Amino acid sequence: MAEYNRPLPAPTPETRHFWDGCREGELRLQRCTSCRESYFPPRPFCPACGSREVEVYKASGKATLYSYVINHRPRPDFGDVPHSIAVVTLEEGPRMMTNIVDCPQTPDALILDMRLEVTFEKASDEISLPKFRPAKG
């Protein structure tokens, strides 16, 4: 694991399940048990109906590319290479901000609605960051 040169998230009681899942290689979401709506980011109530009857579950890790920008400004934690800042639509419905990795960071390679799969970047012993790469197959 290389030294990570940017601030990392600090898990809270409301987000602990998400960060524990990422560390274990699972993307975990929450779902309302009343209206069945899945949502992200983590919170103790359903944003659709307000119910506090929610559950945590393992998501598929599949997504599609909804939107992105390519950052060409150098950053110490990304090196001199351009990198994408993206929003993906998870198969379960919620959208998530992330980075697209393992492909050229060009408009020719980053096609809207392309199929993606989650991968995790270990940033520390406690935190692994969910990123997405083009789906295999």
C-alpha atoms as a PDB file:
ATOM      1  CA  MET A   1       0.000   0.000   0.000  1.00  0.00           C
ATOM      2  CA  ALA A   2       1.472   3.337  -1.067  1.00  0.00           C
ATOM      3  CA  GLU A   3       1.188   6.361   1.187  1.00  0.00           C
ATOM      4  CA  TYR A   4      -2.131   8.090   0.594  1.00  0.00           C
ATOM      5  CA  ASN A   5      -1.687  11.850   0.192  1.00  0.00           C
ATOM      6  CA  ARG A   6      -5.149  13.230   0.784  1.00  0.00           C
ATOM      7  CA  PRO A   7      -7.629  13.358   3.651  1.00  0.00           C
ATOM      8  CA  LEU A   8      -9.572  10.174   4.221  1.00  0.00           C
ATOM      9  CA  PRO A   9     -13.162   9.814   5.422  1.00  0.00           C
ATOM     10  CA  ALA A  10     -13.741   9.413   9.131  1.00  0.00           C
ATOM     11  CA  PRO A  11     -16.402   6.730   9.658  1.00  0.00           C
ATOM     12  CA  THR A  12     -19.297   7.696  11.912  1.00  0.00           C
ATOM     13  CA  PRO A  13     -21.879   5.411  13.532  1.00  0.00           C
ATOM     14  CA  GLU A  14     -24.168   6.113  10.531  1.00  0.00           C
ATOM     15  CA  THR A  15     -21.490   5.279   7.919  1.00  0.00           C
ATOM     16  CA  ARG A  16     -19.539   2.529   9.705  1.00  0.00           C
ATOM     17  CA  HIS A  17     -21.354  -0.300   7.842  1.00  0.00           C
ATOM     18  CA  PHE A  18     -20.411   1.268   4.492  1.00  0.00           C
ATOM     19  CA  TRP A  19     -16.695   1.671   5.302  1.00  0.00           C
ATOM     20  CA  ASP A  20     -16.483  -1.771   6.945  1.00  0.00           C
ATOM     21  CA  GLY A  21     -17.969  -3.248   3.764  1.00  0.00           C
ATOM     22  CA  CYS A  22     -15.507  -1.405   1.527  1.00  0.00           C
ATOM     23  CA  ARG A  23     -12.616  -2.666   3.650  1.00  0.00           C
ATOM     24  CA  GLU A  24     -13.997  -6.209   3.205  1.00  0.00           C
ATOM     25  CA  GLY A  25     -14.468  -5.784  -0.562  1.00  0.00           C
ATOM     26  CA  GLU A  26     -18.257  -5.285  -0.455  1.00  0.00           C
ATOM     27  CA  LEU A  27     -20.324  -2.317  -1.545  1.00  0.00           C
ATOM     28  CA  ARG A  28     -23.048  -1.989   1.101  1.00  0.00           C
ATOM     29  CA  LEU A  29     -26.160   0.115   0.676  1.00  0.00           C
ATOM     30  CA  GLN A  30     -29.202   0.803   2.775  1.00  0.00           C
ATOM     31  CA  ARG A  31     -32.800   0.034   1.893  1.00  0.00           C
ATOM     32  CA  CYS A  32     -36.033   1.158   3.512  1.00  0.00           C
ATOM     33  CA  THR A  33     -38.070  -1.786   4.779  1.00  0.00           C
ATOM     34  CA  SER A  34     -41.272   0.276   4.438  1.00  0.00           C
ATOM     35  CA  CYS A  35     -41.075   1.559   0.841  1.00  0.00           C
ATOM     36  CA  ARG A  36     -38.176  -0.696  -0.355  1.00  0.00           C
ATOM     37  CA  GLU A  37     -36.211   2.310  -1.745  1.00  0.00           C
ATOM     38  CA  SER A  38     -32.404   1.836  -1.837  1.00  0.00           C
ATOM     39  CA  TYR A  39     -30.328   4.905  -1.133  1.00  0.00           C
ATOM     40  CA  PHE A  40     -26.865   6.415  -0.821  1.00  0.00           C
ATOM     41  CA  PRO A  41     -25.163   8.092   1.023  1.00  0.00           C
ATOM     42  CA  PRO A  42     -25.771   6.310   4.334  1.00  0.00           C
ATOM     43  CA  ARG A  43     -28.200   7.891   6.805  1.00  0.00           C
ATOM     44  CA  PRO A  44     -30.454   6.606   9.576  1.00  0.00           C
ATOM     45  CA  PHE A  45     -33.717   7.318   7.726  1.00  0.00           C
ATOM     46  CA  CYS A  46     -35.194   6.782   4.266  1.00  0.00           C
ATOM     47  CA  PRO A  47     -34.901   9.920   2.096  1.00  0.00           C
ATOM     48  CA  ALA A  48     -37.984   8.828   0.101  1.00  0.00           C
ATOM     49  CA  CYS A  49     -40.519   8.289   2.890  1.00  0.00           C
ATOM     50  CA  GLY A  50     -38.778   9.328   6.111  1.00  0.00           C
ATOM     51  CA  SER A  51     -39.053   5.905   7.760  1.00  0.00           C
ATOM     52  CA  ARG A  52     -36.337   4.909  10.220  1.00  0.00           C
ATOM     53  CA  GLU A  53     -36.982   1.229   9.419  1.00  0.00           C
ATOM     54  CA  VAL A  54     -33.912   0.649   7.240  1.00  0.00           C
ATOM     55  CA  GLU A  55     -31.592  -2.271   6.579  1.00  0.00           C
ATOM     56  CA  VAL A  56     -28.063  -2.679   5.241  1.00  0.00           C
ATOM     57  CA  TYR A  57     -27.435  -5.077   2.365  1.00  0.00           C
ATOM     58  CA  LYS A  58     -24.661  -6.093  -0.004  1.00  0.00           C
ATOM     59  CA  ALA A  59     -25.074  -4.376  -3.371  1.00  0.00           C
ATOM     60  CA  SER A  60     -24.178  -6.009  -6.673  1.00  0.00           C
ATOM     61  CA  GLY A  61     -21.244  -3.688  -7.345  1.00  0.00           C
ATOM     62  CA  LYS A  62     -22.557  -3.075 -10.866  1.00  0.00           C
ATOM     63  CA  ALA A  63     -23.178   0.405 -12.224  1.00  0.00           C
ATOM     64  CA  THR A  64     -23.361   2.552 -15.339  1.00  0.00           C
ATOM     65  CA  LEU A  65     -21.551   5.810 -16.011  1.00  0.00           C
ATOM     66  CA  TYR A  66     -23.979   8.706 -15.554  1.00  0.00           C
ATOM     67  CA  SER A  67     -21.671  11.732 -15.828  1.00  0.00           C
ATOM     68  CA  TYR A  68     -18.003  12.692 -15.491  1.00  0.00           C
ATOM     69  CA  VAL A  69     -15.327  15.327 -15.890  1.00  0.00           C
ATOM     70  CA  ILE A  70     -11.678  14.694 -16.619  1.00  0.00           C
ATOM     71  CA  ASN A  71      -9.365  16.628 -14.323  1.00  0.00           C
ATOM     72  CA  HIS A  72      -6.097  17.546 -16.040  1.00  0.00           C
ATOM     73  CA  ARG A  73      -4.637  19.486 -13.112  1.00  0.00           C
ATOM     74  CA  PRO A  74      -1.806  17.560 -11.427  1.00  0.00           C
ATOM     75  CA  ARG A  75      -2.402  16.320  -7.900  1.00  0.00           C
ATOM     76  CA  PRO A  76       0.140  14.586  -5.664  1.00  0.00           C
ATOM     77  CA  ASP A  77      -2.261  11.722  -4.933  1.00  0.00           C
ATOM     78  CA  PHE A  78      -3.096  11.051  -8.604  1.00  0.00           C
ATOM     79  CA  GLY A  79       0.291  11.820 -10.161  1.00  0.00           C
ATOM     80  CA  ASP A  80       0.547  13.833 -13.351  1.00  0.00           C
ATOM     81  CA  VAL A  81      -2.018  11.794 -15.230  1.00  0.00           C
ATOM     82  CA  PRO A  82      -5.538  13.065 -15.864  1.00  0.00           C
ATOM     83  CA  HIS A  83      -8.228  11.380 -13.768  1.00  0.00           C
ATOM     84  CA  SER A  84     -11.986  11.215 -13.942  1.00  0.00           C
ATOM     85  CA  ILE A  85     -14.394  12.493 -11.337  1.00  0.00           C
ATOM     86  CA  ALA A  86     -17.580  10.620 -12.059  1.00  0.00           C
ATOM     87  CA  VAL A  87     -21.133   9.973 -10.988  1.00  0.00           C
ATOM     88  CA  VAL A  88     -22.315   6.404 -11.506  1.00  0.00           C
ATOM     89  CA  THR A  89     -25.808   4.956 -11.272  1.00  0.00           C
ATOM     90  CA  LEU A  90     -25.700   1.810  -9.185  1.00  0.00           C
ATOM     91  CA  GLU A  91     -27.713  -1.179 -10.411  1.00  0.00           C
ATOM     92  CA  GLU A  92     -29.860  -0.809  -7.278  1.00  0.00           C
ATOM     93  CA  GLY A  93     -30.810   2.778  -8.240  1.00  0.00           C
ATOM     94  CA  PRO A  94     -28.810   5.297  -6.178  1.00  0.00           C
ATOM     95  CA  ARG A  95     -26.104   7.465  -7.692  1.00  0.00           C
ATOM     96  CA  MET A  96     -22.617   7.723  -6.256  1.00  0.00           C
ATOM     97  CA  MET A  97     -19.639  10.028  -6.863  1.00  0.00           C
ATOM     98  CA  THR A  98     -16.427   8.131  -7.553  1.00  0.00           C
ATOM     99  CA  ASN A  99     -13.470   7.774  -9.909  1.00  0.00           C
ATOM    100  CA  ILE A 100     -13.255   5.579 -12.999  1.00  0.00           C
ATOM    101  CA  VAL A 101     -10.038   3.545 -13.076  1.00  0.00           C
ATOM    102  CA  ASP A 102      -8.319   0.923 -15.245  1.00  0.00           C
ATOM    103  CA  CYS A 103      -9.125   2.638 -18.534  1.00  0.00           C
ATOM    104  CA  PRO A 104      -7.851   5.633 -20.520  1.00  0.00           C
ATOM    105  CA  GLN A 105      -9.088   8.908 -19.087  1.00  0.00           C
ATOM    106  CA  THR A 106     -10.416  10.228 -22.388  1.00  0.00           C
ATOM    107  CA  PRO A 107     -13.876  10.987 -23.789  1.00  0.00           C
ATOM    108  CA  ASP A 108     -13.359   8.146 -26.301  1.00  0.00           C
ATOM    109  CA  ALA A 109     -12.983   5.619 -23.463  1.00  0.00           C
ATOM    110  CA  LEU A 110     -15.423   7.086 -20.922  1.00  0.00           C
ATOM    111  CA  ILE A 111     -18.755   6.536 -22.628  1.00  0.00           C
ATOM    112  CA  LEU A 112     -21.956   7.531 -20.867  1.00  0.00           C
ATOM    113  CA  ASP A 113     -24.035   4.504 -19.827  1.00  0.00           C
ATOM    114  CA  MET A 114     -21.005   2.185 -20.101  1.00  0.00           C
ATOM    115  CA  ARG A 115     -21.208  -0.825 -17.801  1.00  0.00           C
ATOM    116  CA  LEU A 116     -18.970  -0.629 -14.727  1.00  0.00           C
ATOM    117  CA  GLU A 117     -18.029  -2.749 -11.738  1.00  0.00           C
ATOM    118  CA  VAL A 118     -16.752  -1.725  -8.334  1.00  0.00           C
ATOM    119  CA  THR A 119     -13.158  -2.155  -7.245  1.00  0.00           C
ATOM    120  CA  PHE A 120     -11.615  -1.033  -3.971  1.00  0.00           C
ATOM    121  CA  GLU A 121      -8.454   0.987  -3.419  1.00  0.00           C
ATOM    122  CA  LYS A 122      -6.872   0.367  -0.032  1.00  0.00           C
ATOM    123  CA  ALA A 123      -5.967   3.799   1.328  1.00  0.00           C
ATOM    124  CA  SER A 124      -5.208   2.749   4.925  1.00  0.00           C
ATOM    125  CA  ASP A 125      -5.731  -0.244   7.196  1.00  0.00           C
ATOM    126  CA  GLU A 126      -9.207   1.120   7.985  1.00  0.00           C
ATOM    127  CA  ILE A 127     -10.336   2.760   4.720  1.00  0.00           C
ATOM    128  CA  SER A 128     -10.712   1.292   1.235  1.00  0.00           C
ATOM    129  CA  LEU A 129     -12.241   3.604  -1.351  1.00  0.00           C
ATOM    130  CA  PRO A 130     -14.837   2.338  -3.842  1.00  0.00           C
ATOM    131  CA  LYS A 131     -13.900   3.128  -7.421  1.00  0.00           C
ATOM    132  CA  PHE A 132     -15.317   1.776 -10.646  1.00  0.00           C
ATOM    133  CA  ARG A 133     -13.749   0.196 -13.737  1.00  0.00           C
ATOM    134  CA  PRO A 134     -15.200  -0.980 -17.050  1.00  0.00           C
ATOM    135  CA  ALA A 135     -17.089  -4.241 -16.538  1.00  0.00           C
ATOM    136  CA  LYS A 136     -15.497  -7.361 -17.906  1.00  0.00           C
ATOM    137  CA  GLY A 137     -17.274  -9.229 -20.669  1.00  0.00           C
END
